[in-house]
């Protein structure tokens, strides 16, 4: 019988597919998912906290209103 990937494993982690680490592209580990190690998790956190990452924003003030168009 196939295992349900949403059910926790014996160590308490969910059965997830191994994916590439977003920092170094090595395969992720269940302990540090989605990263391959604690080091890569800390590197990613540092990038967020230092402002290296950003979420793109569309300024709505610059777009014309639908009411203004003929």
PDB file of N, CA and C in Angstrom:
ATOM      1  N   UNK A   1       0.844  -1.180   0.000  1.00  0.00           N
ATOM      2  CA  UNK A   1       0.000   0.000   0.000  1.00  0.00           C
ATOM      3  C   UNK A   1       0.885   1.237   0.000  1.00  0.00           C
ATOM      4  N   UNK A   2       0.520   2.246  -0.768  1.00  0.00           N
ATOM      5  CA  UNK A   2       1.305   3.473  -0.870  1.00  0.00           C
ATOM      6  C   UNK A   2       1.116   4.322   0.386  1.00  0.00           C
ATOM      7  N   UNK A   3       2.194   5.013   0.763  1.00  0.00           N
ATOM      8  CA  UNK A   3       2.143   5.899   1.919  1.00  0.00           C
ATOM      9  C   UNK A   3       1.461   7.207   1.542  1.00  0.00           C
ATOM     10  N   UNK A   4       0.726   7.770   2.485  1.00  0.00           N
ATOM     11  CA  UNK A   4       0.080   9.064   2.279  1.00  0.00           C
ATOM     12  C   UNK A   4       1.113  10.151   2.556  1.00  0.00           C
ATOM     13  N   UNK A   5       1.470  10.992   1.563  1.00  0.00           N
ATOM     14  CA  UNK A   5       2.515  12.001   1.770  1.00  0.00           C
ATOM     15  C   UNK A   5       2.128  13.092   2.759  1.00  0.00           C
ATOM     16  N   UNK A   6       0.858  13.191   3.111  1.00  0.00           N
ATOM     17  CA  UNK A   6       0.450  14.231   4.058  1.00  0.00           C
ATOM     18  C   UNK A   6       0.534  13.754   5.507  1.00  0.00           C
ATOM     19  N   UNK A   7       0.712  12.459   5.715  1.00  0.00           N
ATOM     20  CA  UNK A   7       0.796  11.925   7.071  1.00  0.00           C
ATOM     21  C   UNK A   7       2.224  12.057   7.595  1.00  0.00           C
ATOM     22  N   UNK A   8       2.389  12.371   8.899  1.00  0.00           N
ATOM     23  CA  UNK A   8       3.729  12.527   9.451  1.00  0.00           C
ATOM     24  C   UNK A   8       4.475  11.195   9.516  1.00  0.00           C
ATOM     25  N   UNK A   9       5.779  11.293   9.365  1.00  0.00           N
ATOM     26  CA  UNK A   9       6.655  10.133   9.492  1.00  0.00           C
ATOM     27  C   UNK A   9       6.895   9.851  10.969  1.00  0.00           C
ATOM     28  N   UNK A  10       7.652   8.802  11.262  1.00  0.00           N
ATOM     29  CA  UNK A  10       7.947   8.441  12.648  1.00  0.00           C
ATOM     30  C   UNK A  10       8.717   9.539  13.374  1.00  0.00           C
ATOM     31  N   UNK A  11       9.536  10.316  12.649  1.00  0.00           N
ATOM     32  CA  UNK A  11      10.312  11.382  13.282  1.00  0.00           C
ATOM     33  C   UNK A  11       9.534  12.690  13.377  1.00  0.00           C
ATOM     34  N   UNK A  12       8.259  12.695  12.960  1.00  0.00           N
ATOM     35  CA  UNK A  12       7.420  13.879  13.093  1.00  0.00           C
ATOM     36  C   UNK A  12       7.403  14.774  11.867  1.00  0.00           C
ATOM     37  N   UNK A  13       8.187  14.482  10.858  1.00  0.00           N
ATOM     38  CA  UNK A  13       8.198  15.297   9.643  1.00  0.00           C
ATOM     39  C   UNK A  13       7.202  14.729   8.654  1.00  0.00           C
ATOM     40  N   UNK A  14       6.606  15.568   7.860  1.00  0.00           N
ATOM     41  CA  UNK A  14       5.683  15.110   6.827  1.00  0.00           C
ATOM     42  C   UNK A  14       6.484  14.479   5.693  1.00  0.00           C
ATOM     43  N   UNK A  15       5.927  13.476   5.049  1.00  0.00           N
ATOM     44  CA  UNK A  15       6.607  12.818   3.944  1.00  0.00           C
ATOM     45  C   UNK A  15       6.576  13.699   2.716  1.00  0.00           C
ATOM     46  N   UNK A  16       7.600  14.489   2.511  1.00  0.00           N
ATOM     47  CA  UNK A  16       7.655  15.425   1.387  1.00  0.00           C
ATOM     48  C   UNK A  16       8.649  14.938   0.354  1.00  0.00           C
ATOM     49  N   UNK A  17       8.417  15.357  -0.884  1.00  0.00           N
ATOM     50  CA  UNK A  17       9.389  15.076  -1.931  1.00  0.00           C
ATOM     51  C   UNK A  17      10.635  15.887  -1.667  1.00  0.00           C
ATOM     52  N   UNK A  18      11.775  15.298  -1.960  1.00  0.00           N
ATOM     53  CA  UNK A  18      13.027  16.045  -1.837  1.00  0.00           C
ATOM     54  C   UNK A  18      13.094  17.001  -3.020  1.00  0.00           C
ATOM     55  N   UNK A  19      13.354  18.276  -2.727  1.00  0.00           N
ATOM     56  CA  UNK A  19      13.425  19.312  -3.747  1.00  0.00           C
ATOM     57  C   UNK A  19      14.795  19.969  -3.667  1.00  0.00           C
ATOM     58  N   UNK A  20      15.187  20.674  -4.703  1.00  0.00           N
ATOM     59  CA  UNK A  20      16.463  21.396  -4.643  1.00  0.00           C
ATOM     60  C   UNK A  20      16.407  22.515  -3.608  1.00  0.00           C
ATOM     61  N   UNK A  21      17.492  22.682  -2.894  1.00  0.00           N
ATOM     62  CA  UNK A  21      17.627  23.770  -1.929  1.00  0.00           C
ATOM     63  C   UNK A  21      17.592  25.093  -2.698  1.00  0.00           C
ATOM     64  N   UNK A  22      16.812  26.091  -2.241  1.00  0.00           N
ATOM     65  CA  UNK A  22      16.743  27.357  -2.960  1.00  0.00           C
ATOM     66  C   UNK A  22      18.039  28.167  -2.911  1.00  0.00           C
ATOM     67  N   UNK A  23      18.965  27.811  -2.026  1.00  0.00           N
ATOM     68  CA  UNK A  23      20.222  28.555  -1.900  1.00  0.00           C
ATOM     69  C   UNK A  23      21.326  27.927  -2.745  1.00  0.00           C
ATOM     70  N   UNK A  24      21.524  26.595  -2.588  1.00  0.00           N
ATOM     71  CA  UNK A  24      22.671  25.962  -3.249  1.00  0.00           C
ATOM     72  C   UNK A  24      22.298  24.877  -4.254  1.00  0.00           C
ATOM     73  N   UNK A  25      21.020  24.536  -4.374  1.00  0.00           N
ATOM     74  CA  UNK A  25      20.492  23.560  -5.332  1.00  0.00           C
ATOM     75  C   UNK A  25      20.806  22.106  -5.004  1.00  0.00           C
ATOM     76  N   UNK A  26      21.352  21.809  -3.822  1.00  0.00           N
ATOM     77  CA  UNK A  26      21.482  20.417  -3.393  1.00  0.00           C
ATOM     78  C   UNK A  26      20.099  19.931  -2.981  1.00  0.00           C
ATOM     79  N   UNK A  27      19.928  18.609  -2.859  1.00  0.00           N
ATOM     80  CA  UNK A  27      18.633  18.081  -2.450  1.00  0.00           C
ATOM     81  C   UNK A  27      18.336  18.447  -1.002  1.00  0.00           C
ATOM     82  N   UNK A  28      17.092  18.807  -0.726  1.00  0.00           N
ATOM     83  CA  UNK A  28      16.697  19.189   0.629  1.00  0.00           C
ATOM     84  C   UNK A  28      16.667  17.968   1.545  1.00  0.00           C
ATOM     85  N   UNK A  29      16.716  18.228   2.837  1.00  0.00           N
ATOM     86  CA  UNK A  29      16.635  17.172   3.841  1.00  0.00           C
ATOM     87  C   UNK A  29      15.353  17.349   4.639  1.00  0.00           C
ATOM     88  N   UNK A  30      14.808  16.268   5.176  1.00  0.00           N
ATOM     89  CA  UNK A  30      13.581  16.393   5.973  1.00  0.00           C
ATOM     90  C   UNK A  30      13.761  17.285   7.208  1.00  0.00           C
ATOM     91  N   UNK A  31      14.950  17.294   7.800  1.00  0.00           N
ATOM     92  CA  UNK A  31      15.185  18.082   9.010  1.00  0.00           C
ATOM     93  C   UNK A  31      15.177  19.578   8.721  1.00  0.00           C
ATOM     94  N   UNK A  32      15.654  19.986   7.555  1.00  0.00           N
ATOM     95  CA  UNK A  32      15.811  21.410   7.240  1.00  0.00           C
ATOM     96  C   UNK A  32      14.952  21.838   6.057  1.00  0.00           C
ATOM     97  N   UNK A  33      13.918  21.076   5.723  1.00  0.00           N
ATOM     98  CA  UNK A  33      13.081  21.357   4.551  1.00  0.00           C
ATOM     99  C   UNK A  33      12.608  22.794   4.558  1.00  0.00           C
ATOM    100  N   UNK A  34      12.688  23.540   3.487  1.00  0.00           N
ATOM    101  CA  UNK A  34      13.036  23.160   2.119  1.00  0.00           C
ATOM    102  C   UNK A  34      14.521  23.316   1.802  1.00  0.00           C
ATOM    103  N   UNK A  35      15.357  23.467   2.819  1.00  0.00           N
ATOM    104  CA  UNK A  35      16.789  23.668   2.612  1.00  0.00           C
ATOM    105  C   UNK A  35      17.540  22.351   2.782  1.00  0.00           C
ATOM    106  N   UNK A  36      18.811  22.343   2.398  1.00  0.00           N
ATOM    107  CA  UNK A  36      19.620  21.132   2.535  1.00  0.00           C
ATOM    108  C   UNK A  36      20.330  21.088   3.878  1.00  0.00           C
ATOM    109  N   UNK A  37      20.471  22.240   4.519  1.00  0.00           N
ATOM    110  CA  UNK A  37      21.178  22.290   5.804  1.00  0.00           C
ATOM    111  C   UNK A  37      20.736  23.518   6.592  1.00  0.00           C
ATOM    112  N   UNK A  38      21.126  23.526   7.856  1.00  0.00           N
ATOM    113  CA  UNK A  38      20.842  24.673   8.709  1.00  0.00           C
ATOM    114  C   UNK A  38      21.578  25.908   8.188  1.00  0.00           C
ATOM    115  N   UNK A  39      22.757  25.720   7.623  1.00  0.00           N
ATOM    116  CA  UNK A  39      23.523  26.838   7.081  1.00  0.00           C
ATOM    117  C   UNK A  39      22.764  27.539   5.967  1.00  0.00           C
ATOM    118  N   UNK A  40      22.204  26.774   5.021  1.00  0.00           N
ATOM    119  CA  UNK A  40      21.458  27.388   3.921  1.00  0.00           C
ATOM    120  C   UNK A  40      20.195  28.075   4.430  1.00  0.00           C
ATOM    121  N   UNK A  41      19.555  27.522   5.453  1.00  0.00           N
ATOM    122  CA  UNK A  41      18.380  28.175   6.035  1.00  0.00           C
ATOM    123  C   UNK A  41      18.769  29.528   6.623  1.00  0.00           C
ATOM    124  N   UNK A  42      19.923  29.591   7.281  1.00  0.00           N
ATOM    125  CA  UNK A  42      20.380  30.852   7.876  1.00  0.00           C
ATOM    126  C   UNK A  42      20.820  31.854   6.806  1.00  0.00           C
ATOM    127  N   UNK A  43      21.413  31.367   5.725  1.00  0.00           N
ATOM    128  CA  UNK A  43      21.789  32.245   4.612  1.00  0.00           C
ATOM    129  C   UNK A  43      20.538  32.874   4.018  1.00  0.00           C
ATOM    130  N   UNK A  44      19.488  32.071   3.821  1.00  0.00           N
ATOM    131  CA  UNK A  44      18.240  32.585   3.269  1.00  0.00           C
ATOM    132  C   UNK A  44      17.592  33.597   4.210  1.00  0.00           C
ATOM    133  N   UNK A  45      17.586  33.313   5.512  1.00  0.00           N
ATOM    134  CA  UNK A  45      17.032  34.251   6.487  1.00  0.00           C
ATOM    135  C   UNK A  45      17.798  35.567   6.462  1.00  0.00           C
ATOM    136  N   UNK A  46      19.122  35.495   6.370  1.00  0.00           N
ATOM    137  CA  UNK A  46      19.941  36.707   6.301  1.00  0.00           C
ATOM    138  C   UNK A  46      19.602  37.526   5.053  1.00  0.00           C
ATOM    139  N   UNK A  47      19.350  36.855   3.938  1.00  0.00           N
ATOM    140  CA  UNK A  47      18.994  37.570   2.711  1.00  0.00           C
ATOM    141  C   UNK A  47      17.676  38.308   2.875  1.00  0.00           C
ATOM    142  N   UNK A  48      16.703  37.691   3.546  1.00  0.00           N
ATOM    143  CA  UNK A  48      15.428  38.369   3.785  1.00  0.00           C
ATOM    144  C   UNK A  48      15.609  39.548   4.724  1.00  0.00           C
ATOM    145  N   UNK A  49      16.355  39.350   5.802  1.00  0.00           N
ATOM    146  CA  UNK A  49      16.506  40.401   6.810  1.00  0.00           C
ATOM    147  C   UNK A  49      17.358  41.567   6.323  1.00  0.00           C
ATOM    148  N   UNK A  50      18.300  41.303   5.418  1.00  0.00           N
ATOM    149  CA  UNK A  50      19.160  42.377   4.919  1.00  0.00           C
ATOM    150  C   UNK A  50      18.542  43.123   3.739  1.00  0.00           C
ATOM    151  N   UNK A  51      17.405  42.644   3.246  1.00  0.00           N
ATOM    152  CA  UNK A  51      16.735  43.332   2.144  1.00  0.00           C
ATOM    153  C   UNK A  51      17.173  42.866   0.775  1.00  0.00           C
ATOM    154  N   UNK A  52      17.938  41.779   0.689  1.00  0.00           N
ATOM    155  CA  UNK A  52      18.356  41.268  -0.618  1.00  0.00           C
ATOM    156  C   UNK A  52      17.165  40.751  -1.418  1.00  0.00           C
ATOM    157  N   UNK A  53      16.191  40.190  -0.716  1.00  0.00           N
ATOM    158  CA  UNK A  53      14.968  39.730  -1.359  1.00  0.00           C
ATOM    159  C   UNK A  53      13.925  40.828  -1.240  1.00  0.00           C
ATOM    160  N   UNK A  54      13.049  40.889  -2.201  1.00  0.00           N
ATOM    161  CA  UNK A  54      11.962  41.847  -2.143  1.00  0.00           C
ATOM    162  C   UNK A  54      10.749  41.296  -2.854  1.00  0.00           C
ATOM    163  N   UNK A  55       9.601  41.739  -2.455  1.00  0.00           N
ATOM    164  CA  UNK A  55       8.365  41.319  -3.088  1.00  0.00           C
ATOM    165  C   UNK A  55       7.938  42.445  -4.021  1.00  0.00           C
ATOM    166  N   UNK A  56       7.791  42.162  -5.326  1.00  0.00           N
ATOM    167  CA  UNK A  56       7.415  43.215  -6.263  1.00  0.00           C
ATOM    168  C   UNK A  56       6.014  43.748  -5.959  1.00  0.00           C
ATOM    169  N   UNK A  57       5.876  45.045  -6.083  1.00  0.00           N
ATOM    170  CA  UNK A  57       4.604  45.711  -5.794  1.00  0.00           C
ATOM    171  C   UNK A  57       4.223  46.560  -6.999  1.00  0.00           C
ATOM    172  N   UNK A  58       2.963  46.527  -7.368  1.00  0.00           N
ATOM    173  CA  UNK A  58       2.446  47.368  -8.436  1.00  0.00           C
ATOM    174  C   UNK A  58       1.746  48.542  -7.771  1.00  0.00           C
ATOM    175  N   UNK A  59       2.212  49.727  -8.082  1.00  0.00           N
ATOM    176  CA  UNK A  59       1.598  50.926  -7.529  1.00  0.00           C
ATOM    177  C   UNK A  59       0.294  51.198  -8.267  1.00  0.00           C
ATOM    178  N   UNK A  60      -0.807  51.214  -7.554  1.00  0.00           N
ATOM    179  CA  UNK A  60      -2.109  51.426  -8.173  1.00  0.00           C
ATOM    180  C   UNK A  60      -2.377  52.894  -8.467  1.00  0.00           C
ATOM    181  N   UNK A  61      -1.636  53.805  -7.826  1.00  0.00           N
ATOM    182  CA  UNK A  61      -1.830  55.229  -8.073  1.00  0.00           C
ATOM    183  C   UNK A  61      -1.439  55.623  -9.494  1.00  0.00           C
ATOM    184  N   UNK A  62      -0.503  54.902 -10.101  1.00  0.00           N
ATOM    185  CA  UNK A  62      -0.024  55.233 -11.433  1.00  0.00           C
ATOM    186  C   UNK A  62      -0.927  54.688 -12.539  1.00  0.00           C
ATOM    187  N   UNK A  63      -1.805  53.740 -12.228  1.00  0.00           N
ATOM    188  CA  UNK A  63      -2.673  53.148 -13.236  1.00  0.00           C
ATOM    189  C   UNK A  63      -3.914  54.024 -13.436  1.00  0.00           C
ATOM    190  N   UNK A  64      -4.355  54.169 -14.678  1.00  0.00           N
ATOM    191  CA  UNK A  64      -5.577  54.967 -14.899  1.00  0.00           C
ATOM    192  C   UNK A  64      -6.800  54.218 -14.365  1.00  0.00           C
ATOM    193  N   UNK A  65      -7.743  54.977 -13.836  1.00  0.00           N
ATOM    194  CA  UNK A  65      -8.980  54.394 -13.339  1.00  0.00           C
ATOM    195  C   UNK A  65      -9.862  53.972 -14.497  1.00  0.00           C
ATOM    196  N   UNK A  66     -10.696  52.971 -14.268  1.00  0.00           N
ATOM    197  CA  UNK A  66     -11.625  52.517 -15.303  1.00  0.00           C
ATOM    198  C   UNK A  66     -12.683  53.586 -15.596  1.00  0.00           C
ATOM    199  N   UNK A  67     -12.976  54.445 -14.591  1.00  0.00           N
ATOM    200  CA  UNK A  67     -13.967  55.503 -14.781  1.00  0.00           C
ATOM    201  C   UNK A  67     -13.456  56.636 -15.665  1.00  0.00           C
ATOM    202  N   UNK A  68     -12.138  56.817 -15.731  1.00  0.00           N
ATOM    203  CA  UNK A  68     -11.547  57.918 -16.488  1.00  0.00           C
ATOM    204  C   UNK A  68     -11.497  57.649 -17.986  1.00  0.00           C
ATOM    205  N   UNK A  69     -11.611  56.411 -18.388  1.00  0.00           N
ATOM    206  CA  UNK A  69     -11.491  56.085 -19.806  1.00  0.00           C
ATOM    207  C   UNK A  69     -12.837  56.290 -20.517  1.00  0.00           C
ATOM    208  N   UNK A  70     -12.798  56.817 -21.765  1.00  0.00           N
ATOM    209  CA  UNK A  70     -14.058  57.060 -22.506  1.00  0.00           C
ATOM    210  C   UNK A  70     -14.700  55.795 -22.997  1.00  0.00           C
TER     211      UNK A  70
END
